Amino acid sequence: MTAIMTKSPAGEDIVILSRPEYDALVAASEDAADARAAGAVLSRIEAGTEALIADEDMDAYLAAATPLAFWRKKRGLTQAALASATGVGQGFLSEIESGKKTGDVATLKKIANALGLRIDDIVAENE
């Protein structure tokens, strides 16, 4: 790497790099950030706090009205059983599951906890 060390007009140290060297540093930084993010996901998987969807379940996940609908069925629960476990009314749970209502954070947390998931796992990305 050929870097030129100099000073700015204000006296700050600056480094001048060629474009390929700069691009390589940016790519290395992005790779390191990706590796940290992957490591964090792997840690959550090992700890059992990250929900995974098997290949054979992906079609059902994509076909479900909401992630909540998929996960409830995947966990083998009826709406009545999940409503009972969370204290959320079955009608309201049905509306959340169908995407007609979003539910507040406290309600979603109860539902996610009952399913052994994080709130992010049961909320559609576009909500």
C-alpha atoms as a PDB file:
ATOM      1  CA  MET A   1       0.000   0.000   0.000  1.00  0.00           C
ATOM      2  CA  THR A   2       1.341   3.371  -0.975  1.00  0.00           C
ATOM      3  CA  ALA A   3      -0.098   6.006   1.297  1.00  0.00           C
ATOM      4  CA  ILE A   4       0.921   9.614   1.484  1.00  0.00           C
ATOM      5  CA  MET A   5       0.778  11.172   4.940  1.00  0.00           C
ATOM      6  CA  THR A   6       0.295  14.926   4.980  1.00  0.00           C
ATOM      7  CA  LYS A   7      -1.479  17.701   6.828  1.00  0.00           C
ATOM      8  CA  SER A   8      -4.660  19.521   5.972  1.00  0.00           C
ATOM      9  CA  PRO A   9      -4.658  23.336   5.843  1.00  0.00           C
ATOM     10  CA  ALA A  10      -6.095  23.200   9.380  1.00  0.00           C
ATOM     11  CA  GLY A  11      -3.163  21.046  10.538  1.00  0.00           C
ATOM     12  CA  GLU A  12      -5.039  17.729  10.783  1.00  0.00           C
ATOM     13  CA  ASP A  13      -3.250  14.547   9.732  1.00  0.00           C
ATOM     14  CA  ILE A  14      -4.628  13.185   6.469  1.00  0.00           C
ATOM     15  CA  VAL A  15      -3.781  10.170   4.341  1.00  0.00           C
ATOM     16  CA  ILE A  16      -3.964  10.036   0.577  1.00  0.00           C
ATOM     17  CA  LEU A  17      -4.577   6.635  -1.033  1.00  0.00           C
ATOM     18  CA  SER A  18      -5.049   5.448  -4.572  1.00  0.00           C
ATOM     19  CA  ARG A  19      -8.628   4.590  -5.504  1.00  0.00           C
ATOM     20  CA  PRO A  20      -7.945   0.824  -5.629  1.00  0.00           C
ATOM     21  CA  GLU A  21      -6.362   0.967  -2.148  1.00  0.00           C
ATOM     22  CA  TYR A  22      -9.301   2.972  -0.811  1.00  0.00           C
ATOM     23  CA  ASP A  23     -11.786   0.538  -2.386  1.00  0.00           C
ATOM     24  CA  ALA A  24      -9.908  -2.412  -0.847  1.00  0.00           C
ATOM     25  CA  LEU A  25     -10.077  -0.798   2.613  1.00  0.00           C
ATOM     26  CA  VAL A  26     -13.807  -0.143   2.227  1.00  0.00           C
ATOM     27  CA  ALA A  27     -14.396  -3.740   1.094  1.00  0.00           C
ATOM     28  CA  ALA A  28     -12.363  -5.081   4.037  1.00  0.00           C
ATOM     29  CA  SER A  29     -14.366  -2.932   6.444  1.00  0.00           C
ATOM     30  CA  GLU A  30     -17.660  -4.141   4.951  1.00  0.00           C
ATOM     31  CA  ASP A  31     -16.444  -7.747   5.117  1.00  0.00           C
ATOM     32  CA  ALA A  32     -15.549  -7.302   8.790  1.00  0.00           C
ATOM     33  CA  ALA A  33     -19.002  -5.829   9.518  1.00  0.00           C
ATOM     34  CA  ASP A  34     -20.646  -8.747   7.688  1.00  0.00           C
ATOM     35  CA  ALA A  35     -18.534 -11.223   9.664  1.00  0.00           C
ATOM     36  CA  ARG A  36     -19.576  -9.572  12.953  1.00  0.00           C
ATOM     37  CA  ALA A  37     -23.254  -9.697  11.942  1.00  0.00           C
ATOM     38  CA  ALA A  38     -22.945 -13.359  10.917  1.00  0.00           C
ATOM     39  CA  GLY A  39     -21.184 -14.147  14.186  1.00  0.00           C
ATOM     40  CA  ALA A  40     -23.992 -12.513  16.134  1.00  0.00           C
ATOM     41  CA  VAL A  41     -26.600 -14.584  14.270  1.00  0.00           C
ATOM     42  CA  LEU A  42     -24.628 -17.780  14.846  1.00  0.00           C
ATOM     43  CA  SER A  43     -24.396 -16.961  18.544  1.00  0.00           C
ATOM     44  CA  ARG A  44     -28.172 -16.485  18.703  1.00  0.00           C
ATOM     45  CA  ILE A  45     -28.698 -19.770  16.857  1.00  0.00           C
ATOM     46  CA  GLU A  46     -26.423 -21.599  19.298  1.00  0.00           C
ATOM     47  CA  ALA A  47     -28.218 -19.964  22.232  1.00  0.00           C
ATOM     48  CA  GLY A  48     -31.579 -20.983  20.784  1.00  0.00           C
ATOM     49  CA  THR A  49     -32.812 -17.402  20.557  1.00  0.00           C
ATOM     50  CA  GLU A  50     -32.784 -17.154  16.763  1.00  0.00           C
ATOM     51  CA  ALA A  51     -35.702 -18.684  14.871  1.00  0.00           C
ATOM     52  CA  LEU A  52     -34.784 -20.544  11.715  1.00  0.00           C
ATOM     53  CA  ILE A  53     -37.000 -21.639   8.885  1.00  0.00           C
ATOM     54  CA  ALA A  54     -36.101 -24.934   7.219  1.00  0.00           C
ATOM     55  CA  ASP A  55     -36.115 -25.083   3.432  1.00  0.00           C
ATOM     56  CA  GLU A  56     -39.174 -27.317   3.452  1.00  0.00           C
ATOM     57  CA  ASP A  57     -41.092 -24.706   5.488  1.00  0.00           C
ATOM     58  CA  MET A  58     -40.224 -21.716   3.295  1.00  0.00           C
ATOM     59  CA  ASP A  59     -43.223 -22.110   0.966  1.00  0.00           C
ATOM     60  CA  ALA A  60     -45.581 -22.163   3.961  1.00  0.00           C
ATOM     61  CA  TYR A  61     -43.838 -19.114   5.441  1.00  0.00           C
ATOM     62  CA  LEU A  62     -44.160 -17.172   2.198  1.00  0.00           C
ATOM     63  CA  ALA A  63     -47.802 -18.238   1.735  1.00  0.00           C
ATOM     64  CA  ALA A  64     -48.832 -17.253   5.275  1.00  0.00           C
ATOM     65  CA  ALA A  65     -50.740 -13.997   5.732  1.00  0.00           C
ATOM     66  CA  THR A  66     -48.172 -12.878   8.309  1.00  0.00           C
ATOM     67  CA  PRO A  67     -45.088 -14.338   9.994  1.00  0.00           C
ATOM     68  CA  LEU A  68     -47.235 -14.720  13.125  1.00  0.00           C
ATOM     69  CA  ALA A  69     -49.674 -16.968  11.243  1.00  0.00           C
ATOM     70  CA  PHE A  70     -46.807 -19.166  10.075  1.00  0.00           C
ATOM     71  CA  TRP A  71     -45.128 -19.438  13.477  1.00  0.00           C
ATOM     72  CA  ARG A  72     -48.339 -20.184  15.363  1.00  0.00           C
ATOM     73  CA  LYS A  73     -49.089 -23.045  13.007  1.00  0.00           C
ATOM     74  CA  LYS A  74     -45.444 -24.168  13.021  1.00  0.00           C
ATOM     75  CA  ARG A  75     -45.573 -24.379  16.824  1.00  0.00           C
ATOM     76  CA  GLY A  76     -48.733 -26.503  16.549  1.00  0.00           C
ATOM     77  CA  LEU A  77     -50.986 -24.037  18.371  1.00  0.00           C
ATOM     78  CA  THR A  78     -54.546 -23.042  17.620  1.00  0.00           C
ATOM     79  CA  GLN A  79     -55.505 -19.390  17.887  1.00  0.00           C
ATOM     80  CA  ALA A  80     -57.515 -20.305  20.983  1.00  0.00           C
ATOM     81  CA  ALA A  81     -54.494 -21.950  22.627  1.00  0.00           C
ATOM     82  CA  LEU A  82     -52.206 -19.007  21.828  1.00  0.00           C
ATOM     83  CA  ALA A  83     -54.841 -16.538  23.001  1.00  0.00           C
ATOM     84  CA  SER A  84     -55.186 -18.455  26.256  1.00  0.00           C
ATOM     85  CA  ALA A  85     -51.407 -18.621  26.751  1.00  0.00           C
ATOM     86  CA  THR A  86     -50.984 -14.875  26.200  1.00  0.00           C
ATOM     87  CA  GLY A  87     -54.151 -13.401  27.641  1.00  0.00           C
ATOM     88  CA  VAL A  88     -54.842 -11.775  24.278  1.00  0.00           C
ATOM     89  CA  GLY A  89     -58.404 -12.087  23.019  1.00  0.00           C
ATOM     90  CA  GLN A  90     -58.745 -14.634  20.248  1.00  0.00           C
ATOM     91  CA  GLY A  91     -60.545 -12.143  18.004  1.00  0.00           C
ATOM     92  CA  PHE A  92     -57.772  -9.578  18.427  1.00  0.00           C
ATOM     93  CA  LEU A  93     -55.132 -12.263  17.889  1.00  0.00           C
ATOM     94  CA  SER A  94     -56.928 -13.266  14.685  1.00  0.00           C
ATOM     95  CA  GLU A  95     -56.859  -9.652  13.460  1.00  0.00           C
ATOM     96  CA  ILE A  96     -53.142  -9.361  14.224  1.00  0.00           C
ATOM     97  CA  GLU A  97     -52.463 -12.680  12.542  1.00  0.00           C
ATOM     98  CA  SER A  98     -54.379 -11.710   9.413  1.00  0.00           C
ATOM     99  CA  GLY A  99     -52.628  -8.324   9.235  1.00  0.00           C
ATOM    100  CA  LYS A 100     -55.816  -6.304   9.854  1.00  0.00           C
ATOM    101  CA  LYS A 101     -54.350  -4.896  13.087  1.00  0.00           C
ATOM    102  CA  THR A 102     -50.784  -4.531  14.254  1.00  0.00           C
ATOM    103  CA  GLY A 103     -51.030  -4.842  18.031  1.00  0.00           C
ATOM    104  CA  ASP A 104     -48.987  -2.820  20.478  1.00  0.00           C
ATOM    105  CA  VAL A 105     -45.487  -3.745  21.585  1.00  0.00           C
ATOM    106  CA  ALA A 106     -46.617  -5.268  24.892  1.00  0.00           C
ATOM    107  CA  THR A 107     -49.114  -7.529  23.111  1.00  0.00           C
ATOM    108  CA  LEU A 108     -46.614  -8.560  20.456  1.00  0.00           C
ATOM    109  CA  LYS A 109     -44.049  -9.305  23.159  1.00  0.00           C
ATOM    110  CA  LYS A 110     -46.500 -11.608  24.956  1.00  0.00           C
ATOM    111  CA  ILE A 111     -47.229 -13.426  21.704  1.00  0.00           C
ATOM    112  CA  ALA A 112     -43.565 -13.700  20.714  1.00  0.00           C
ATOM    113  CA  ASN A 113     -42.594 -14.987  24.164  1.00  0.00           C
ATOM    114  CA  ALA A 114     -45.350 -17.609  24.069  1.00  0.00           C
ATOM    115  CA  LEU A 115     -44.020 -18.810  20.710  1.00  0.00           C
ATOM    116  CA  GLY A 116     -40.384 -18.720  21.848  1.00  0.00           C
ATOM    117  CA  LEU A 117     -39.559 -15.986  19.351  1.00  0.00           C
ATOM    118  CA  ARG A 118     -38.505 -12.345  19.156  1.00  0.00           C
ATOM    119  CA  ILE A 119     -41.010  -9.658  18.188  1.00  0.00           C
ATOM    120  CA  ASP A 120     -39.102  -9.172  14.926  1.00  0.00           C
ATOM    121  CA  ASP A 121     -39.830 -12.798  14.041  1.00  0.00           C
ATOM    122  CA  ILE A 122     -43.612 -12.360  14.118  1.00  0.00           C
ATOM    123  CA  VAL A 123     -43.955  -8.916  12.530  1.00  0.00           C
ATOM    124  CA  ALA A 124     -43.941  -8.484   8.777  1.00  0.00           C
ATOM    125  CA  GLU A 125     -41.097  -6.290   7.526  1.00  0.00           C
ATOM    126  CA  ASN A 126     -43.446  -3.803   5.834  1.00  0.00           C
ATOM    127  CA  GLU A 127     -45.297  -2.994   9.088  1.00  0.00           C
END
